[in-house]
Amino acid sequence: MIAHFPSEFHSNWQWWHLVENSRPIILDETSPDFRPLIQVIDNFKRQHKPGLFFETKVGKGKLLVCSINLPKLCNKPETKQFLFSLLSYINSVDFNPIIELDRKILIKLL
């Protein structure tokens, strides 16, 4: 998904500004098998399913949602690389969401 963005299984320095300037979307109402592509670890008391980046089928189309404030960070090199990776992914055959979220849930989330 983010093949052109240097990353490990967990976040590192390059994620700092991206995560700091994001607003996770709470995906609790989605099915248990639905996982965001980028998920934040929530507080152990709440146990929400917060996502920064997820994809879904929408009818015959596809939707990718990113809750990171990318325009605010456009001068940062890590943001430029993240955007490059994101656009490369969207324009590839790999961008093929498997799960379709219920329209009512999707409208509520957005």
PDB file of N, CA and C in Angstrom:
ATOM      1  N   MET A   1       0.813  -1.189   0.000  1.00  0.00           N
ATOM      2  CA  MET A   1       0.000   0.000   0.000  1.00  0.00           C
ATOM      3  C   MET A   1       0.860   1.258   0.000  1.00  0.00           C
ATOM      4  N   ILE A   2       1.808   1.348   0.864  1.00  0.00           N
ATOM      5  CA  ILE A   2       2.707   2.509   0.877  1.00  0.00           C
ATOM      6  C   ILE A   2       4.130   2.054   0.562  1.00  0.00           C
ATOM      7  N   ALA A   3       4.257   1.404  -0.559  1.00  0.00           N
ATOM      8  CA  ALA A   3       5.524   0.783  -0.949  1.00  0.00           C
ATOM      9  C   ALA A   3       6.656   1.784  -1.107  1.00  0.00           C
ATOM     10  N   HIS A   4       6.351   3.025  -1.451  1.00  0.00           N
ATOM     11  CA  HIS A   4       7.392   4.030  -1.680  1.00  0.00           C
ATOM     12  C   HIS A   4       7.609   4.933  -0.465  1.00  0.00           C
ATOM     13  N   PHE A   5       7.049   4.539   0.671  1.00  0.00           N
ATOM     14  CA  PHE A   5       7.220   5.297   1.906  1.00  0.00           C
ATOM     15  C   PHE A   5       7.981   4.424   2.893  1.00  0.00           C
ATOM     16  N   PRO A   6       9.165   4.867   3.334  1.00  0.00           N
ATOM     17  CA  PRO A   6       9.958   4.026   4.240  1.00  0.00           C
ATOM     18  C   PRO A   6       9.212   3.797   5.553  1.00  0.00           C
ATOM     19  N   SER A   7       8.963   2.552   5.837  1.00  0.00           N
ATOM     20  CA  SER A   7       8.183   2.244   7.032  1.00  0.00           C
ATOM     21  C   SER A   7       8.452   0.824   7.496  1.00  0.00           C
ATOM     22  N   GLU A   8       8.187   0.618   8.756  1.00  0.00           N
ATOM     23  CA  GLU A   8       8.249  -0.718   9.335  1.00  0.00           C
ATOM     24  C   GLU A   8       6.832  -1.090   9.749  1.00  0.00           C
ATOM     25  N   PHE A   9       6.676  -2.159  10.484  1.00  0.00           N
ATOM     26  CA  PHE A   9       5.354  -2.569  10.950  1.00  0.00           C
ATOM     27  C   PHE A   9       4.776  -1.551  11.933  1.00  0.00           C
ATOM     28  N   HIS A  10       5.647  -0.831  12.586  1.00  0.00           N
ATOM     29  CA  HIS A  10       5.256   0.191  13.561  1.00  0.00           C
ATOM     30  C   HIS A  10       5.728   1.551  13.045  1.00  0.00           C
ATOM     31  N   SER A  11       5.323   2.617  13.713  1.00  0.00           N
ATOM     32  CA  SER A  11       5.728   3.949  13.269  1.00  0.00           C
ATOM     33  C   SER A  11       7.138   4.281  13.731  1.00  0.00           C
ATOM     34  N   ASN A  12       7.761   5.172  12.989  1.00  0.00           N
ATOM     35  CA  ASN A  12       9.080   5.707  13.293  1.00  0.00           C
ATOM     36  C   ASN A  12       9.027   7.214  13.113  1.00  0.00           C
ATOM     37  N   TRP A  13      10.172   7.873  13.095  1.00  0.00           N
ATOM     38  CA  TRP A  13      10.252   9.331  13.008  1.00  0.00           C
ATOM     39  C   TRP A  13       9.473   9.910  11.837  1.00  0.00           C
ATOM     40  N   GLN A  14       9.455   9.225  10.681  1.00  0.00           N
ATOM     41  CA  GLN A  14       8.799   9.777   9.499  1.00  0.00           C
ATOM     42  C   GLN A  14       7.284   9.875   9.656  1.00  0.00           C
ATOM     43  N   TRP A  15       6.748   9.202  10.637  1.00  0.00           N
ATOM     44  CA  TRP A  15       5.307   9.251  10.907  1.00  0.00           C
ATOM     45  C   TRP A  15       4.920  10.378  11.856  1.00  0.00           C
ATOM     46  N   TRP A  16       5.876  10.985  12.554  1.00  0.00           N
ATOM     47  CA  TRP A  16       5.572  11.929  13.626  1.00  0.00           C
ATOM     48  C   TRP A  16       4.628  13.047  13.183  1.00  0.00           C
ATOM     49  N   HIS A  17       5.014  13.833  12.180  1.00  0.00           N
ATOM     50  CA  HIS A  17       4.175  14.947  11.738  1.00  0.00           C
ATOM     51  C   HIS A  17       2.853  14.467  11.140  1.00  0.00           C
ATOM     52  N   LEU A  18       2.882  13.356  10.436  1.00  0.00           N
ATOM     53  CA  LEU A  18       1.660  12.826   9.826  1.00  0.00           C
ATOM     54  C   LEU A  18       0.624  12.456  10.893  1.00  0.00           C
ATOM     55  N   VAL A  19       1.067  11.737  11.897  1.00  0.00           N
ATOM     56  CA  VAL A  19       0.145  11.307  12.955  1.00  0.00           C
ATOM     57  C   VAL A  19      -0.257  12.487  13.838  1.00  0.00           C
ATOM     58  N   GLU A  20       0.695  13.354  14.119  1.00  0.00           N
ATOM     59  CA  GLU A  20       0.417  14.522  14.957  1.00  0.00           C
ATOM     60  C   GLU A  20      -0.631  15.447  14.317  1.00  0.00           C
ATOM     61  N   ASN A  21      -0.699  15.438  12.993  1.00  0.00           N
ATOM     62  CA  ASN A  21      -1.646  16.282  12.255  1.00  0.00           C
ATOM     63  C   ASN A  21      -2.748  15.443  11.604  1.00  0.00           C
ATOM     64  N   SER A  22      -3.287  14.556  12.372  1.00  0.00           N
ATOM     65  CA  SER A  22      -4.356  13.692  11.872  1.00  0.00           C
ATOM     66  C   SER A  22      -5.497  13.669  12.882  1.00  0.00           C
ATOM     67  N   ARG A  23      -6.591  13.182  12.424  1.00  0.00           N
ATOM     68  CA  ARG A  23      -7.749  12.992  13.294  1.00  0.00           C
ATOM     69  C   ARG A  23      -8.327  11.622  12.966  1.00  0.00           C
ATOM     70  N   PRO A  24      -7.957  10.619  13.748  1.00  0.00           N
ATOM     71  CA  PRO A  24      -8.412   9.250  13.447  1.00  0.00           C
ATOM     72  C   PRO A  24      -9.936   9.151  13.364  1.00  0.00           C
ATOM     73  N   ILE A  25     -10.375   8.308  12.471  1.00  0.00           N
ATOM     74  CA  ILE A  25     -11.801   8.020  12.312  1.00  0.00           C
ATOM     75  C   ILE A  25     -12.101   6.757  13.103  1.00  0.00           C
ATOM     76  N   ILE A  26     -13.085   6.824  13.973  1.00  0.00           N
ATOM     77  CA  ILE A  26     -13.446   5.671  14.806  1.00  0.00           C
ATOM     78  C   ILE A  26     -14.276   4.711  13.951  1.00  0.00           C
ATOM     79  N   LEU A  27     -13.752   3.524  13.748  1.00  0.00           N
ATOM     80  CA  LEU A  27     -14.357   2.531  12.856  1.00  0.00           C
ATOM     81  C   LEU A  27     -15.022   1.396  13.622  1.00  0.00           C
ATOM     82  N   ASP A  28     -15.480   1.671  14.832  1.00  0.00           N
ATOM     83  CA  ASP A  28     -16.077   0.640  15.688  1.00  0.00           C
ATOM     84  C   ASP A  28     -17.290  -0.044  15.068  1.00  0.00           C
ATOM     85  N   GLU A  29     -18.056   0.685  14.253  1.00  0.00           N
ATOM     86  CA  GLU A  29     -19.283   0.120  13.679  1.00  0.00           C
ATOM     87  C   GLU A  29     -19.034  -0.744  12.447  1.00  0.00           C
ATOM     88  N   THR A  30     -17.790  -0.810  12.006  1.00  0.00           N
ATOM     89  CA  THR A  30     -17.485  -1.661  10.859  1.00  0.00           C
ATOM     90  C   THR A  30     -17.367  -3.113  11.315  1.00  0.00           C
ATOM     91  N   SER A  31     -17.412  -4.022  10.370  1.00  0.00           N
ATOM     92  CA  SER A  31     -17.331  -5.443  10.714  1.00  0.00           C
ATOM     93  C   SER A  31     -15.973  -5.775  11.320  1.00  0.00           C
ATOM     94  N   PRO A  32     -15.902  -6.834  12.121  1.00  0.00           N
ATOM     95  CA  PRO A  32     -14.634  -7.214  12.759  1.00  0.00           C
ATOM     96  C   PRO A  32     -13.513  -7.512  11.763  1.00  0.00           C
ATOM     97  N   ASP A  33     -13.856  -7.958  10.550  1.00  0.00           N
ATOM     98  CA  ASP A  33     -12.822  -8.268   9.567  1.00  0.00           C
ATOM     99  C   ASP A  33     -12.345  -7.035   8.790  1.00  0.00           C
ATOM    100  N   PHE A  34     -12.993  -5.892   8.981  1.00  0.00           N
ATOM    101  CA  PHE A  34     -12.569  -4.661   8.323  1.00  0.00           C
ATOM    102  C   PHE A  34     -11.433  -4.035   9.118  1.00  0.00           C
ATOM    103  N   ARG A  35     -10.312  -3.858   8.471  1.00  0.00           N
ATOM    104  CA  ARG A  35      -9.144  -3.254   9.113  1.00  0.00           C
ATOM    105  C   ARG A  35      -8.672  -2.078   8.271  1.00  0.00           C
ATOM    106  N   PRO A  36      -8.439  -0.920   8.913  1.00  0.00           N
ATOM    107  CA  PRO A  36      -7.865   0.200   8.161  1.00  0.00           C
ATOM    108  C   PRO A  36      -6.443  -0.132   7.727  1.00  0.00           C
ATOM    109  N   LEU A  37      -5.997   0.494   6.662  1.00  0.00           N
ATOM    110  CA  LEU A  37      -4.637   0.274   6.181  1.00  0.00           C
ATOM    111  C   LEU A  37      -3.615   0.875   7.144  1.00  0.00           C
ATOM    112  N   ILE A  38      -3.986   1.981   7.780  1.00  0.00           N
ATOM    113  CA  ILE A  38      -3.167   2.567   8.840  1.00  0.00           C
ATOM    114  C   ILE A  38      -4.072   2.720  10.055  1.00  0.00           C
ATOM    115  N   GLN A  39      -3.734   2.009  11.103  1.00  0.00           N
ATOM    116  CA  GLN A  39      -4.548   2.014  12.317  1.00  0.00           C
ATOM    117  C   GLN A  39      -3.715   2.546  13.476  1.00  0.00           C
ATOM    118  N   VAL A  40      -4.362   3.322  14.329  1.00  0.00           N
ATOM    119  CA  VAL A  40      -3.727   3.864  15.518  1.00  0.00           C
ATOM    120  C   VAL A  40      -4.098   2.966  16.696  1.00  0.00           C
ATOM    121  N   ILE A  41      -3.173   2.790  17.600  1.00  0.00           N
ATOM    122  CA  ILE A  41      -3.456   2.020  18.815  1.00  0.00           C
ATOM    123  C   ILE A  41      -4.187   2.941  19.777  1.00  0.00           C
ATOM    124  N   ASP A  42      -5.339   2.515  20.226  1.00  0.00           N
ATOM    125  CA  ASP A  42      -6.155   3.335  21.104  1.00  0.00           C
ATOM    126  C   ASP A  42      -5.787   3.121  22.565  1.00  0.00           C
ATOM    127  N   ASN A  43      -6.360   3.937  23.399  1.00  0.00           N
ATOM    128  CA  ASN A  43      -6.254   3.833  24.843  1.00  0.00           C
ATOM    129  C   ASN A  43      -6.771   2.458  25.279  1.00  0.00           C
ATOM    130  N   PHE A  44      -6.090   1.805  26.209  1.00  0.00           N
ATOM    131  CA  PHE A  44      -6.489   0.451  26.608  1.00  0.00           C
ATOM    132  C   PHE A  44      -7.854   0.407  27.285  1.00  0.00           C
ATOM    133  N   LYS A  45      -8.331   1.527  27.818  1.00  0.00           N
ATOM    134  CA  LYS A  45      -9.649   1.551  28.451  1.00  0.00           C
ATOM    135  C   LYS A  45     -10.773   1.639  27.421  1.00  0.00           C
ATOM    136  N   ARG A  46     -10.550   2.399  26.344  1.00  0.00           N
ATOM    137  CA  ARG A  46     -11.617   2.606  25.348  1.00  0.00           C
ATOM    138  C   ARG A  46     -11.716   1.448  24.360  1.00  0.00           C
ATOM    139  N   GLN A  47     -10.585   1.029  23.836  1.00  0.00           N
ATOM    140  CA  GLN A  47     -10.535  -0.081  22.874  1.00  0.00           C
ATOM    141  C   GLN A  47     -11.278   0.216  21.567  1.00  0.00           C
ATOM    142  N   HIS A  48     -11.192   1.468  21.078  1.00  0.00           N
ATOM    143  CA  HIS A  48     -11.783   1.801  19.784  1.00  0.00           C
ATOM    144  C   HIS A  48     -10.944   1.220  18.652  1.00  0.00           C
ATOM    145  N   LYS A  49     -11.480   1.270  17.447  1.00  0.00           N
ATOM    146  CA  LYS A  49     -10.752   0.890  16.237  1.00  0.00           C
ATOM    147  C   LYS A  49     -10.532   2.176  15.425  1.00  0.00           C
ATOM    148  N   PRO A  50      -9.487   2.966  15.772  1.00  0.00           N
ATOM    149  CA  PRO A  50      -9.250   4.221  15.060  1.00  0.00           C
ATOM    150  C   PRO A  50      -8.386   4.014  13.821  1.00  0.00           C
ATOM    151  N   GLY A  51      -8.827   4.570  12.705  1.00  0.00           N
ATOM    152  CA  GLY A  51      -8.075   4.456  11.463  1.00  0.00           C
ATOM    153  C   GLY A  51      -7.700   5.809  10.901  1.00  0.00           C
ATOM    154  N   LEU A  52      -6.510   5.897  10.331  1.00  0.00           N
ATOM    155  CA  LEU A  52      -6.065   7.114   9.655  1.00  0.00           C
ATOM    156  C   LEU A  52      -6.228   7.004   8.149  1.00  0.00           C
ATOM    157  N   PHE A  53      -6.374   5.770   7.686  1.00  0.00           N
ATOM    158  CA  PHE A  53      -6.307   5.524   6.253  1.00  0.00           C
ATOM    159  C   PHE A  53      -7.019   4.208   5.986  1.00  0.00           C
ATOM    160  N   PHE A  54      -8.093   4.247   5.191  1.00  0.00           N
ATOM    161  CA  PHE A  54      -8.782   2.999   4.875  1.00  0.00           C
ATOM    162  C   PHE A  54      -9.374   3.057   3.479  1.00  0.00           C
ATOM    163  N   GLU A  55      -9.692   1.892   2.968  1.00  0.00           N
ATOM    164  CA  GLU A  55     -10.277   1.787   1.633  1.00  0.00           C
ATOM    165  C   GLU A  55     -11.509   0.906   1.691  1.00  0.00           C
ATOM    166  N   THR A  56     -12.402   1.135   0.743  1.00  0.00           N
ATOM    167  CA  THR A  56     -13.626   0.354   0.667  1.00  0.00           C
ATOM    168  C   THR A  56     -14.156   0.357  -0.762  1.00  0.00           C
ATOM    169  N   LYS A  57     -14.914  -0.660  -1.088  1.00  0.00           N
ATOM    170  CA  LYS A  57     -15.666  -0.649  -2.326  1.00  0.00           C
ATOM    171  C   LYS A  57     -16.868   0.260  -2.113  1.00  0.00           C
ATOM    172  N   VAL A  58     -17.303   0.918  -3.174  1.00  0.00           N
ATOM    173  CA  VAL A  58     -18.520   1.725  -3.144  1.00  0.00           C
ATOM    174  C   VAL A  58     -19.238   1.449  -4.456  1.00  0.00           C
ATOM    175  N   GLY A  59     -20.217   0.542  -4.410  1.00  0.00           N
ATOM    176  CA  GLY A  59     -20.881   0.139  -5.646  1.00  0.00           C
ATOM    177  C   GLY A  59     -19.868  -0.464  -6.591  1.00  0.00           C
ATOM    178  N   LYS A  60     -19.761   0.105  -7.801  1.00  0.00           N
ATOM    179  CA  LYS A  60     -18.773  -0.366  -8.773  1.00  0.00           C
ATOM    180  C   LYS A  60     -17.451   0.376  -8.656  1.00  0.00           C
ATOM    181  N   GLY A  61     -17.383   1.317  -7.713  1.00  0.00           N
ATOM    182  CA  GLY A  61     -16.186   2.128  -7.548  1.00  0.00           C
ATOM    183  C   GLY A  61     -15.377   1.755  -6.325  1.00  0.00           C
ATOM    184  N   LYS A  62     -14.365   2.566  -6.065  1.00  0.00           N
ATOM    185  CA  LYS A  62     -13.464   2.366  -4.933  1.00  0.00           C
ATOM    186  C   LYS A  62     -13.275   3.711  -4.241  1.00  0.00           C
ATOM    187  N   LEU A  63     -13.080   3.646  -2.935  1.00  0.00           N
ATOM    188  CA  LEU A  63     -12.877   4.860  -2.153  1.00  0.00           C
ATOM    189  C   LEU A  63     -11.700   4.653  -1.220  1.00  0.00           C
ATOM    190  N   LEU A  64     -10.838   5.661  -1.154  1.00  0.00           N
ATOM    191  CA  LEU A  64      -9.737   5.662  -0.212  1.00  0.00           C
ATOM    192  C   LEU A  64      -9.907   6.900   0.670  1.00  0.00           C
ATOM    193  N   VAL A  65      -9.887   6.705   1.975  1.00  0.00           N
ATOM    194  CA  VAL A  65     -10.092   7.797   2.929  1.00  0.00           C
ATOM    195  C   VAL A  65      -8.815   7.967   3.756  1.00  0.00           C
ATOM    196  N   CYS A  66      -8.345   9.218   3.823  1.00  0.00           N
ATOM    197  CA  CYS A  66      -7.151   9.543   4.603  1.00  0.00           C
ATOM    198  C   CYS A  66      -7.514  10.693   5.533  1.00  0.00           C
ATOM    199  N   SER A  67      -7.335  10.502   6.831  1.00  0.00           N
ATOM    200  CA  SER A  67      -7.691  11.546   7.799  1.00  0.00           C
ATOM    201  C   SER A  67      -6.472  12.311   8.312  1.00  0.00           C
ATOM    202  N   ILE A  68      -5.407  12.289   7.537  1.00  0.00           N
ATOM    203  CA  ILE A  68      -4.206  13.061   7.855  1.00  0.00           C
ATOM    204  C   ILE A  68      -4.333  14.404   7.134  1.00  0.00           C
ATOM    205  N   ASN A  69      -4.016  15.478   7.805  1.00  0.00           N
ATOM    206  CA  ASN A  69      -4.100  16.808   7.207  1.00  0.00           C
ATOM    207  C   ASN A  69      -2.890  17.032   6.293  1.00  0.00           C
ATOM    208  N   LEU A  70      -2.907  16.408   5.137  1.00  0.00           N
ATOM    209  CA  LEU A  70      -1.770  16.462   4.220  1.00  0.00           C
ATOM    210  C   LEU A  70      -1.504  17.865   3.669  1.00  0.00           C
ATOM    211  N   PRO A  71      -2.529  18.664   3.327  1.00  0.00           N
ATOM    212  CA  PRO A  71      -2.236  20.019   2.826  1.00  0.00           C
ATOM    213  C   PRO A  71      -1.449  20.872   3.826  1.00  0.00           C
ATOM    214  N   LYS A  72      -1.721  20.708   5.098  1.00  0.00           N
ATOM    215  CA  LYS A  72      -1.013  21.471   6.125  1.00  0.00           C
ATOM    216  C   LYS A  72       0.475  21.117   6.167  1.00  0.00           C
ATOM    217  N   LEU A  73       0.797  19.899   5.773  1.00  0.00           N
ATOM    218  CA  LEU A  73       2.169  19.391   5.877  1.00  0.00           C
ATOM    219  C   LEU A  73       2.896  19.322   4.548  1.00  0.00           C
ATOM    220  N   CYS A  74       2.364  19.968   3.519  1.00  0.00           N
ATOM    221  CA  CYS A  74       2.899  19.788   2.164  1.00  0.00           C
ATOM    222  C   CYS A  74       4.362  20.212   2.001  1.00  0.00           C
ATOM    223  N   ASN A  75       4.903  20.996   2.928  1.00  0.00           N
ATOM    224  CA  ASN A  75       6.306  21.400   2.825  1.00  0.00           C
ATOM    225  C   ASN A  75       7.267  20.396   3.458  1.00  0.00           C
ATOM    226  N   LYS A  76       6.746  19.380   4.127  1.00  0.00           N
ATOM    227  CA  LYS A  76       7.587  18.385   4.801  1.00  0.00           C
ATOM    228  C   LYS A  76       8.015  17.295   3.808  1.00  0.00           C
ATOM    229  N   PRO A  77       9.286  16.899   3.809  1.00  0.00           N
ATOM    230  CA  PRO A  77       9.727  15.858   2.872  1.00  0.00           C
ATOM    231  C   PRO A  77       9.013  14.522   3.080  1.00  0.00           C
ATOM    232  N   GLU A  78       8.726  14.176   4.337  1.00  0.00           N
ATOM    233  CA  GLU A  78       8.033  12.907   4.572  1.00  0.00           C
ATOM    234  C   GLU A  78       6.611  12.927   4.025  1.00  0.00           C
ATOM    235  N   THR A  79       5.973  14.096   4.033  1.00  0.00           N
ATOM    236  CA  THR A  79       4.622  14.219   3.475  1.00  0.00           C
ATOM    237  C   THR A  79       4.668  14.081   1.960  1.00  0.00           C
ATOM    238  N   LYS A  80       5.643  14.687   1.343  1.00  0.00           N
ATOM    239  CA  LYS A  80       5.790  14.573  -0.112  1.00  0.00           C
ATOM    240  C   LYS A  80       5.981  13.108  -0.512  1.00  0.00           C
ATOM    241  N   GLN A  81       6.800  12.397   0.259  1.00  0.00           N
ATOM    242  CA  GLN A  81       7.036  10.990  -0.043  1.00  0.00           C
ATOM    243  C   GLN A  81       5.785  10.155   0.215  1.00  0.00           C
ATOM    244  N   PHE A  82       5.060  10.471   1.292  1.00  0.00           N
ATOM    245  CA  PHE A  82       3.815   9.762   1.597  1.00  0.00           C
ATOM    246  C   PHE A  82       2.801   9.982   0.478  1.00  0.00           C
ATOM    247  N   LEU A  83       2.670  11.220  -0.002  1.00  0.00           N
ATOM    248  CA  LEU A  83       1.745  11.516  -1.103  1.00  0.00           C
ATOM    249  C   LEU A  83       2.148  10.790  -2.378  1.00  0.00           C
ATOM    250  N   PHE A  84       3.437  10.763  -2.661  1.00  0.00           N
ATOM    251  CA  PHE A  84       3.916  10.029  -3.836  1.00  0.00           C
ATOM    252  C   PHE A  84       3.522   8.554  -3.732  1.00  0.00           C
ATOM    253  N   SER A  85       3.745   7.982  -2.570  1.00  0.00           N
ATOM    254  CA  SER A  85       3.411   6.579  -2.348  1.00  0.00           C
ATOM    255  C   SER A  85       1.907   6.352  -2.460  1.00  0.00           C
ATOM    256  N   LEU A  86       1.133   7.258  -1.878  1.00  0.00           N
ATOM    257  CA  LEU A  86      -0.329   7.176  -1.921  1.00  0.00           C
ATOM    258  C   LEU A  86      -0.846   7.228  -3.359  1.00  0.00           C
ATOM    259  N   LEU A  87      -0.360   8.183  -4.137  1.00  0.00           N
ATOM    260  CA  LEU A  87      -0.806   8.313  -5.533  1.00  0.00           C
ATOM    261  C   LEU A  87      -0.349   7.122  -6.376  1.00  0.00           C
ATOM    262  N   SER A  88       0.843   6.620  -6.102  1.00  0.00           N
ATOM    263  CA  SER A  88       1.316   5.421  -6.809  1.00  0.00           C
ATOM    264  C   SER A  88       0.405   4.237  -6.516  1.00  0.00           C
ATOM    265  N   TYR A  89      -0.010   4.107  -5.273  1.00  0.00           N
ATOM    266  CA  TYR A  89      -0.904   3.017  -4.871  1.00  0.00           C
ATOM    267  C   TYR A  89      -2.264   3.142  -5.555  1.00  0.00           C
ATOM    268  N   ILE A  90      -2.835   4.337  -5.527  1.00  0.00           N
ATOM    269  CA  ILE A  90      -4.157   4.558  -6.128  1.00  0.00           C
ATOM    270  C   ILE A  90      -4.144   4.237  -7.619  1.00  0.00           C
ATOM    271  N   ASN A  91      -3.037   4.530  -8.278  1.00  0.00           N
ATOM    272  CA  ASN A  91      -2.941   4.308  -9.725  1.00  0.00           C
ATOM    273  C   ASN A  91      -2.418   2.927 -10.094  1.00  0.00           C
ATOM    274  N   SER A  92      -2.334   2.034  -9.126  1.00  0.00           N
ATOM    275  CA  SER A  92      -1.836   0.683  -9.397  1.00  0.00           C
ATOM    276  C   SER A  92      -2.978  -0.334  -9.356  1.00  0.00           C
ATOM    277  N   VAL A  93      -2.702  -1.531  -9.828  1.00  0.00           N
ATOM    278  CA  VAL A  93      -3.684  -2.617  -9.754  1.00  0.00           C
ATOM    279  C   VAL A  93      -3.863  -3.114  -8.329  1.00  0.00           C
ATOM    280  N   ASP A  94      -2.937  -2.747  -7.447  1.00  0.00           N
ATOM    281  CA  ASP A  94      -3.037  -3.154  -6.039  1.00  0.00           C
ATOM    282  C   ASP A  94      -4.187  -2.461  -5.306  1.00  0.00           C
ATOM    283  N   PHE A  95      -4.606  -1.305  -5.812  1.00  0.00           N
ATOM    284  CA  PHE A  95      -5.728  -0.590  -5.190  1.00  0.00           C
ATOM    285  C   PHE A  95      -7.020  -1.277  -5.623  1.00  0.00           C
ATOM    286  N   ASN A  96      -7.399  -2.259  -4.841  1.00  0.00           N
ATOM    287  CA  ASN A  96      -8.567  -3.074  -5.155  1.00  0.00           C
ATOM    288  C   ASN A  96      -9.230  -3.513  -3.845  1.00  0.00           C
ATOM    289  N   PRO A  97      -9.991  -2.603  -3.201  1.00  0.00           N
ATOM    290  CA  PRO A  97     -10.603  -2.943  -1.923  1.00  0.00           C
ATOM    291  C   PRO A  97     -11.451  -4.208  -2.004  1.00  0.00           C
ATOM    292  N   ILE A  98     -11.390  -5.013  -0.975  1.00  0.00           N
ATOM    293  CA  ILE A  98     -12.129  -6.274  -0.927  1.00  0.00           C
ATOM    294  C   ILE A  98     -13.474  -6.089  -0.235  1.00  0.00           C
ATOM    295  N   ILE A  99     -13.480  -5.329   0.845  1.00  0.00           N
ATOM    296  CA  ILE A  99     -14.695  -5.167   1.655  1.00  0.00           C
ATOM    297  C   ILE A  99     -15.448  -3.909   1.241  1.00  0.00           C
ATOM    298  N   GLU A 100     -16.778  -4.015   1.246  1.00  0.00           N
ATOM    299  CA  GLU A 100     -17.628  -2.852   0.993  1.00  0.00           C
ATOM    300  C   GLU A 100     -18.352  -2.506   2.286  1.00  0.00           C
ATOM    301  N   LEU A 101     -18.074  -1.299   2.774  1.00  0.00           N
ATOM    302  CA  LEU A 101     -18.753  -0.839   3.981  1.00  0.00           C
ATOM    303  C   LEU A 101     -20.207  -0.517   3.664  1.00  0.00           C
ATOM    304  N   ASP A 102     -21.073  -0.744   4.623  1.00  0.00           N
ATOM    305  CA  ASP A 102     -22.474  -0.380   4.494  1.00  0.00           C
ATOM    306  C   ASP A 102     -22.567   1.133   4.254  1.00  0.00           C
ATOM    307  N   ARG A 103     -23.412   1.537   3.316  1.00  0.00           N
ATOM    308  CA  ARG A 103     -23.525   2.957   2.965  1.00  0.00           C
ATOM    309  C   ARG A 103     -23.888   3.831   4.164  1.00  0.00           C
ATOM    310  N   LYS A 104     -24.771   3.344   5.031  1.00  0.00           N
ATOM    311  CA  LYS A 104     -25.165   4.129   6.201  1.00  0.00           C
ATOM    312  C   LYS A 104     -23.975   4.364   7.125  1.00  0.00           C
ATOM    313  N   ILE A 105     -23.151   3.345   7.304  1.00  0.00           N
ATOM    314  CA  ILE A 105     -21.955   3.489   8.140  1.00  0.00           C
ATOM    315  C   ILE A 105     -20.970   4.444   7.472  1.00  0.00           C
ATOM    316  N   LEU A 106     -20.783   4.297   6.180  1.00  0.00           N
ATOM    317  CA  LEU A 106     -19.847   5.145   5.447  1.00  0.00           C
ATOM    318  C   LEU A 106     -20.278   6.609   5.514  1.00  0.00           C
ATOM    319  N   ILE A 107     -21.533   6.872   5.314  1.00  0.00           N
ATOM    320  CA  ILE A 107     -22.037   8.255   5.392  1.00  0.00           C
ATOM    321  C   ILE A 107     -21.833   8.816   6.790  1.00  0.00           C
ATOM    322  N   LYS A 108     -22.085   8.001   7.790  1.00  0.00           N
ATOM    323  CA  LYS A 108     -21.896   8.427   9.181  1.00  0.00           C
ATOM    324  C   LYS A 108     -20.424   8.731   9.466  1.00  0.00           C
ATOM    325  N   LEU A 109     -19.524   7.915   8.931  1.00  0.00           N
ATOM    326  CA  LEU A 109     -18.096   8.109   9.149  1.00  0.00           C
ATOM    327  C   LEU A 109     -17.581   9.392   8.487  1.00  0.00           C
ATOM    328  N   LEU A 110     -18.113   9.684   7.302  1.00  0.00           N
ATOM    329  CA  LEU A 110     -17.615  10.831   6.544  1.00  0.00           C
ATOM    330  C   LEU A 110     -18.399  12.078   6.864  1.00  0.00           C
TER     331      LEU A 110
END
